[in-house]
Amino acid sequence: MADEGASPRELIVEACRRDQPHLIEQVLHDMEEQTNEQVAEFFNRVTDTMGNYALHICAQYGSGETMDHLFDIQGFECDPKNRLDEDTPLHVAVRYAMEKDLSVGTEIIEMMCEAGCDPRVRNKHNQLPSELARGNKEIMAILQKAAYIMAEGLQNNGDGAESDGGSASDMEE
């Protein structure tokens, strides 16, 4: 990258906050000489000042298109825990759905589950994402189905990345 302007980490955080997937593509383009493992390691280490990883930030702001691009990165971690409450991105997405935008939040939760995010992971308050849904039947059903699929080993792959080449982008109607 050029000597001036935002760093790759800053571009990723901004992409996640403002749902600007072209910034993710810009960083990936600048890393084209790196191995898949190096790219994944870099993206998996990006956090904001509050200790939220890229998926947490996407979930917090309802940034579905950017999230979809992140899931396309081979080896991208789906279930990192943030610093404050040890929430996974699914915890944050459920809060977004319940407190900000139910429709967008539900689409994001579904995309996350399809991409391999684990609804069985508890935060430091011993809460599952489903416990934050406060009885929302649609969200509960999505999370329960994903938990069942993971428990039964029916997931297409074990690395948390999308396996079908992009069905999560179906939400871009």
C-alpha atoms as a PDB file:
ATOM      1  CA  MET A   1       0.000   0.000   0.000  1.00  0.00           C
ATOM      2  CA  ALA A   2       1.014   3.603  -0.351  1.00  0.00           C
ATOM      3  CA  ASP A   3       2.747   5.395   2.497  1.00  0.00           C
ATOM      4  CA  GLU A   4      -0.202   7.733   3.057  1.00  0.00           C
ATOM      5  CA  GLY A   5      -3.791   6.909   3.911  1.00  0.00           C
ATOM      6  CA  ALA A   6      -5.389   4.330   6.119  1.00  0.00           C
ATOM      7  CA  SER A   7      -3.597   1.165   7.171  1.00  0.00           C
ATOM      8  CA  PRO A   8      -4.988  -2.211   6.070  1.00  0.00           C
ATOM      9  CA  ARG A   9      -6.358  -2.747   9.601  1.00  0.00           C
ATOM     10  CA  GLU A  10      -8.088   0.632   9.528  1.00  0.00           C
ATOM     11  CA  LEU A  11      -9.579  -0.146   6.109  1.00  0.00           C
ATOM     12  CA  ILE A  12     -10.997  -3.433   7.372  1.00  0.00           C
ATOM     13  CA  VAL A  13     -12.504  -1.830  10.474  1.00  0.00           C
ATOM     14  CA  GLU A  14     -14.020   0.936   8.341  1.00  0.00           C
ATOM     15  CA  ALA A  15     -15.377  -1.596   5.834  1.00  0.00           C
ATOM     16  CA  CYS A  16     -17.058  -3.473   8.670  1.00  0.00           C
ATOM     17  CA  ARG A  17     -18.532  -0.343  10.242  1.00  0.00           C
ATOM     18  CA  ARG A  18     -19.895   1.145   7.030  1.00  0.00           C
ATOM     19  CA  ASP A  19     -20.620  -2.037   5.051  1.00  0.00           C
ATOM     20  CA  GLN A  20     -18.110  -1.240   2.315  1.00  0.00           C
ATOM     21  CA  PRO A  21     -16.903  -4.583   0.954  1.00  0.00           C
ATOM     22  CA  HIS A  22     -14.819  -2.845  -1.720  1.00  0.00           C
ATOM     23  CA  LEU A  23     -12.392  -1.906   1.079  1.00  0.00           C
ATOM     24  CA  ILE A  24     -11.986  -5.601   1.925  1.00  0.00           C
ATOM     25  CA  GLU A  25     -11.292  -6.264  -1.750  1.00  0.00           C
ATOM     26  CA  GLN A  26      -8.707  -3.455  -1.745  1.00  0.00           C
ATOM     27  CA  VAL A  27      -6.851  -5.007   1.198  1.00  0.00           C
ATOM     28  CA  LEU A  28      -7.032  -8.464  -0.379  1.00  0.00           C
ATOM     29  CA  HIS A  29      -5.674  -7.054  -3.650  1.00  0.00           C
ATOM     30  CA  ASP A  30      -2.768  -5.472  -1.779  1.00  0.00           C
ATOM     31  CA  MET A  31      -2.058  -8.841  -0.130  1.00  0.00           C
ATOM     32  CA  GLU A  32      -2.113 -10.906  -3.318  1.00  0.00           C
ATOM     33  CA  GLU A  33       1.543 -11.929  -2.830  1.00  0.00           C
ATOM     34  CA  GLN A  34       0.698 -13.416   0.589  1.00  0.00           C
ATOM     35  CA  THR A  35      -0.289 -17.048   1.155  1.00  0.00           C
ATOM     36  CA  ASN A  36      -3.865 -17.928   2.119  1.00  0.00           C
ATOM     37  CA  GLU A  37      -2.627 -18.668   5.627  1.00  0.00           C
ATOM     38  CA  GLN A  38      -0.951 -15.255   5.930  1.00  0.00           C
ATOM     39  CA  VAL A  39      -4.068 -13.483   4.671  1.00  0.00           C
ATOM     40  CA  ALA A  40      -6.307 -15.398   7.086  1.00  0.00           C
ATOM     41  CA  GLU A  41      -3.925 -14.769   9.989  1.00  0.00           C
ATOM     42  CA  PHE A  42      -3.924 -11.034   9.246  1.00  0.00           C
ATOM     43  CA  PHE A  43      -7.724 -10.776   8.958  1.00  0.00           C
ATOM     44  CA  ASN A  44      -8.211 -12.966  12.046  1.00  0.00           C
ATOM     45  CA  ARG A  45      -6.102 -10.548  14.121  1.00  0.00           C
ATOM     46  CA  VAL A  46      -7.859  -7.316  13.118  1.00  0.00           C
ATOM     47  CA  THR A  47      -9.678  -5.711  16.042  1.00  0.00           C
ATOM     48  CA  ASP A  48     -11.046  -2.291  16.859  1.00  0.00           C
ATOM     49  CA  THR A  49     -10.040  -0.352  19.962  1.00  0.00           C
ATOM     50  CA  MET A  50     -12.709  -2.159  22.010  1.00  0.00           C
ATOM     51  CA  GLY A  51     -11.364  -5.615  21.188  1.00  0.00           C
ATOM     52  CA  ASN A  52     -14.060  -6.513  18.661  1.00  0.00           C
ATOM     53  CA  TYR A  53     -12.960  -8.589  15.688  1.00  0.00           C
ATOM     54  CA  ALA A  54     -14.100  -7.884  12.122  1.00  0.00           C
ATOM     55  CA  LEU A  55     -17.194 -10.105  12.361  1.00  0.00           C
ATOM     56  CA  HIS A  56     -18.215  -8.499  15.651  1.00  0.00           C
ATOM     57  CA  ILE A  57     -18.036  -5.082  13.991  1.00  0.00           C
ATOM     58  CA  CYS A  58     -20.069  -6.271  10.985  1.00  0.00           C
ATOM     59  CA  ALA A  59     -22.691  -7.750  13.310  1.00  0.00           C
ATOM     60  CA  GLN A  60     -22.800  -4.607  15.446  1.00  0.00           C
ATOM     61  CA  TYR A  61     -23.513  -2.397  12.425  1.00  0.00           C
ATOM     62  CA  GLY A  62     -25.565  -4.791  10.287  1.00  0.00           C
ATOM     63  CA  SER A  63     -22.887  -4.933   7.599  1.00  0.00           C
ATOM     64  CA  GLY A  64     -24.004  -8.041   5.748  1.00  0.00           C
ATOM     65  CA  GLU A  65     -22.253  -7.487   2.434  1.00  0.00           C
ATOM     66  CA  THR A  66     -18.880  -6.969   4.094  1.00  0.00           C
ATOM     67  CA  MET A  67     -19.480  -9.979   6.331  1.00  0.00           C
ATOM     68  CA  ASP A  68     -20.182 -12.072   3.229  1.00  0.00           C
ATOM     69  CA  HIS A  69     -16.816 -11.020   1.768  1.00  0.00           C
ATOM     70  CA  LEU A  70     -15.028 -11.935   4.998  1.00  0.00           C
ATOM     71  CA  PHE A  71     -16.529 -15.435   4.926  1.00  0.00           C
ATOM     72  CA  ASP A  72     -14.956 -15.914   1.485  1.00  0.00           C
ATOM     73  CA  ILE A  73     -11.462 -15.718   3.024  1.00  0.00           C
ATOM     74  CA  GLN A  74     -10.081 -19.221   3.372  1.00  0.00           C
ATOM     75  CA  GLY A  75      -9.295 -19.936   7.041  1.00  0.00           C
ATOM     76  CA  PHE A  76     -11.273 -16.961   8.367  1.00  0.00           C
ATOM     77  CA  GLU A  77     -12.257 -17.463  12.018  1.00  0.00           C
ATOM     78  CA  CYS A  78     -16.029 -17.436  12.574  1.00  0.00           C
ATOM     79  CA  ASP A  79     -16.182 -17.549  16.366  1.00  0.00           C
ATOM     80  CA  PRO A  80     -13.594 -15.256  17.926  1.00  0.00           C
ATOM     81  CA  LYS A  81     -14.520 -13.928  21.363  1.00  0.00           C
ATOM     82  CA  ASN A  82     -14.312 -10.213  21.990  1.00  0.00           C
ATOM     83  CA  ARG A  83     -12.426  -8.705  24.891  1.00  0.00           C
ATOM     84  CA  LEU A  84     -15.243  -7.189  26.963  1.00  0.00           C
ATOM     85  CA  ASP A  85     -17.875  -9.923  27.333  1.00  0.00           C
ATOM     86  CA  GLU A  86     -16.218 -12.757  25.414  1.00  0.00           C
ATOM     87  CA  ASP A  87     -19.145 -12.553  22.992  1.00  0.00           C
ATOM     88  CA  THR A  88     -18.927 -14.329  19.674  1.00  0.00           C
ATOM     89  CA  PRO A  89     -20.114 -12.450  16.576  1.00  0.00           C
ATOM     90  CA  LEU A  90     -23.398 -14.400  16.844  1.00  0.00           C
ATOM     91  CA  HIS A  91     -24.054 -12.901  20.281  1.00  0.00           C
ATOM     92  CA  VAL A  92     -23.556  -9.435  18.776  1.00  0.00           C
ATOM     93  CA  ALA A  93     -25.749 -10.230  15.763  1.00  0.00           C
ATOM     94  CA  VAL A  94     -28.614 -11.390  17.982  1.00  0.00           C
ATOM     95  CA  ARG A  95     -28.376  -8.161  19.990  1.00  0.00           C
ATOM     96  CA  TYR A  96     -28.410  -6.181  16.733  1.00  0.00           C
ATOM     97  CA  ALA A  97     -31.533  -8.032  15.587  1.00  0.00           C
ATOM     98  CA  MET A  98     -33.333  -7.569  18.888  1.00  0.00           C
ATOM     99  CA  GLU A  99     -32.355  -3.935  19.503  1.00  0.00           C
ATOM    100  CA  LYS A 100     -31.834  -2.283  16.103  1.00  0.00           C
ATOM    101  CA  ASP A 101     -33.120  -4.017  12.966  1.00  0.00           C
ATOM    102  CA  LEU A 102     -34.886  -7.355  13.242  1.00  0.00           C
ATOM    103  CA  SER A 103     -35.019  -8.013   9.492  1.00  0.00           C
ATOM    104  CA  VAL A 104     -31.362  -7.264   8.708  1.00  0.00           C
ATOM    105  CA  GLY A 105     -30.233  -8.902  11.933  1.00  0.00           C
ATOM    106  CA  THR A 106     -32.128 -12.093  11.151  1.00  0.00           C
ATOM    107  CA  GLU A 107     -30.587 -12.244   7.659  1.00  0.00           C
ATOM    108  CA  ILE A 108     -27.124 -11.778   9.133  1.00  0.00           C
ATOM    109  CA  ILE A 109     -27.702 -14.468  11.771  1.00  0.00           C
ATOM    110  CA  GLU A 110     -28.827 -16.879   9.075  1.00  0.00           C
ATOM    111  CA  MET A 111     -25.781 -16.076   6.920  1.00  0.00           C
ATOM    112  CA  MET A 112     -23.474 -16.556   9.896  1.00  0.00           C
ATOM    113  CA  CYS A 113     -24.963 -19.936  10.742  1.00  0.00           C
ATOM    114  CA  GLU A 114     -24.732 -21.071   7.126  1.00  0.00           C
ATOM    115  CA  ALA A 115     -21.075 -19.996   7.080  1.00  0.00           C
ATOM    116  CA  GLY A 116     -20.273 -22.079  10.169  1.00  0.00           C
ATOM    117  CA  CYS A 117     -20.603 -19.758  13.164  1.00  0.00           C
ATOM    118  CA  ASP A 118     -21.285 -21.886  16.231  1.00  0.00           C
ATOM    119  CA  PRO A 119     -24.442 -21.020  18.223  1.00  0.00           C
ATOM    120  CA  ARG A 120     -23.316 -23.359  21.039  1.00  0.00           C
ATOM    121  CA  VAL A 121     -20.518 -21.065  22.251  1.00  0.00           C
ATOM    122  CA  ARG A 122     -21.214 -19.248  25.529  1.00  0.00           C
ATOM    123  CA  ASN A 123     -19.955 -15.794  26.491  1.00  0.00           C
ATOM    124  CA  LYS A 124     -18.387 -14.894  29.857  1.00  0.00           C
ATOM    125  CA  HIS A 125     -21.889 -14.485  31.314  1.00  0.00           C
ATOM    126  CA  ASN A 126     -22.562 -18.128  30.375  1.00  0.00           C
ATOM    127  CA  GLN A 127     -25.113 -17.043  27.752  1.00  0.00           C
ATOM    128  CA  LEU A 128     -25.751 -18.689  24.421  1.00  0.00           C
ATOM    129  CA  PRO A 129     -26.718 -16.438  21.494  1.00  0.00           C
ATOM    130  CA  SER A 130     -30.210 -17.990  21.588  1.00  0.00           C
ATOM    131  CA  GLU A 131     -30.677 -16.788  25.166  1.00  0.00           C
ATOM    132  CA  LEU A 132     -30.319 -13.200  23.921  1.00  0.00           C
ATOM    133  CA  ALA A 133     -33.132 -13.686  21.383  1.00  0.00           C
ATOM    134  CA  ARG A 134     -35.751 -13.162  24.117  1.00  0.00           C
ATOM    135  CA  GLY A 135     -38.138 -15.667  22.621  1.00  0.00           C
ATOM    136  CA  ASN A 136     -37.992 -14.513  18.997  1.00  0.00           C
ATOM    137  CA  LYS A 137     -39.164 -17.711  17.328  1.00  0.00           C
ATOM    138  CA  GLU A 138     -37.509 -17.100  13.941  1.00  0.00           C
ATOM    139  CA  ILE A 139     -34.084 -16.369  15.416  1.00  0.00           C
ATOM    140  CA  MET A 140     -34.419 -19.238  17.887  1.00  0.00           C
ATOM    141  CA  ALA A 141     -35.266 -21.633  15.024  1.00  0.00           C
ATOM    142  CA  ILE A 142     -32.240 -20.505  12.966  1.00  0.00           C
ATOM    143  CA  LEU A 143     -29.888 -20.931  15.920  1.00  0.00           C
ATOM    144  CA  GLN A 144     -31.378 -24.277  16.976  1.00  0.00           C
ATOM    145  CA  LYS A 145     -31.099 -25.653  13.449  1.00  0.00           C
ATOM    146  CA  ALA A 146     -27.455 -24.550  13.247  1.00  0.00           C
ATOM    147  CA  ALA A 147     -26.690 -26.079  16.650  1.00  0.00           C
ATOM    148  CA  TYR A 148     -28.282 -29.359  15.547  1.00  0.00           C
ATOM    149  CA  ILE A 149     -26.320 -29.403  12.288  1.00  0.00           C
ATOM    150  CA  MET A 150     -23.065 -28.802  14.137  1.00  0.00           C
ATOM    151  CA  ALA A 151     -23.820 -31.349  16.844  1.00  0.00           C
ATOM    152  CA  GLU A 152     -24.625 -33.992  14.243  1.00  0.00           C
ATOM    153  CA  GLY A 153     -21.556 -33.160  12.151  1.00  0.00           C
ATOM    154  CA  LEU A 154     -23.652 -32.281   9.128  1.00  0.00           C
ATOM    155  CA  GLN A 155     -21.689 -29.115   8.331  1.00  0.00           C
ATOM    156  CA  ASN A 156     -20.150 -29.316   4.843  1.00  0.00           C
ATOM    157  CA  ASN A 157     -16.710 -28.345   6.073  1.00  0.00           C
ATOM    158  CA  GLY A 158     -15.007 -27.824   9.384  1.00  0.00           C
ATOM    159  CA  ASP A 159     -13.109 -24.575   8.856  1.00  0.00           C
ATOM    160  CA  GLY A 160     -16.059 -22.219   9.215  1.00  0.00           C
ATOM    161  CA  ALA A 161     -15.729 -20.860   5.687  1.00  0.00           C
ATOM    162  CA  GLU A 162     -18.473 -21.004   3.120  1.00  0.00           C
ATOM    163  CA  SER A 163     -18.375 -24.151   1.080  1.00  0.00           C
ATOM    164  CA  ASP A 164     -20.788 -23.344  -1.706  1.00  0.00           C
ATOM    165  CA  GLY A 165     -19.040 -20.360  -3.217  1.00  0.00           C
ATOM    166  CA  GLY A 166     -21.268 -17.603  -1.975  1.00  0.00           C
ATOM    167  CA  SER A 167     -24.853 -18.444  -1.115  1.00  0.00           C
ATOM    168  CA  ALA A 168     -24.645 -16.008   1.786  1.00  0.00           C
ATOM    169  CA  SER A 169     -24.816 -13.189  -0.736  1.00  0.00           C
ATOM    170  CA  ASP A 170     -28.417 -14.182  -1.422  1.00  0.00           C
ATOM    171  CA  MET A 171     -29.363 -11.449   1.044  1.00  0.00           C
ATOM    172  CA  GLU A 172     -28.355  -8.801  -1.533  1.00  0.00           C
ATOM    173  CA  GLU A 173     -31.768  -8.656  -3.157  1.00  0.00           C
END
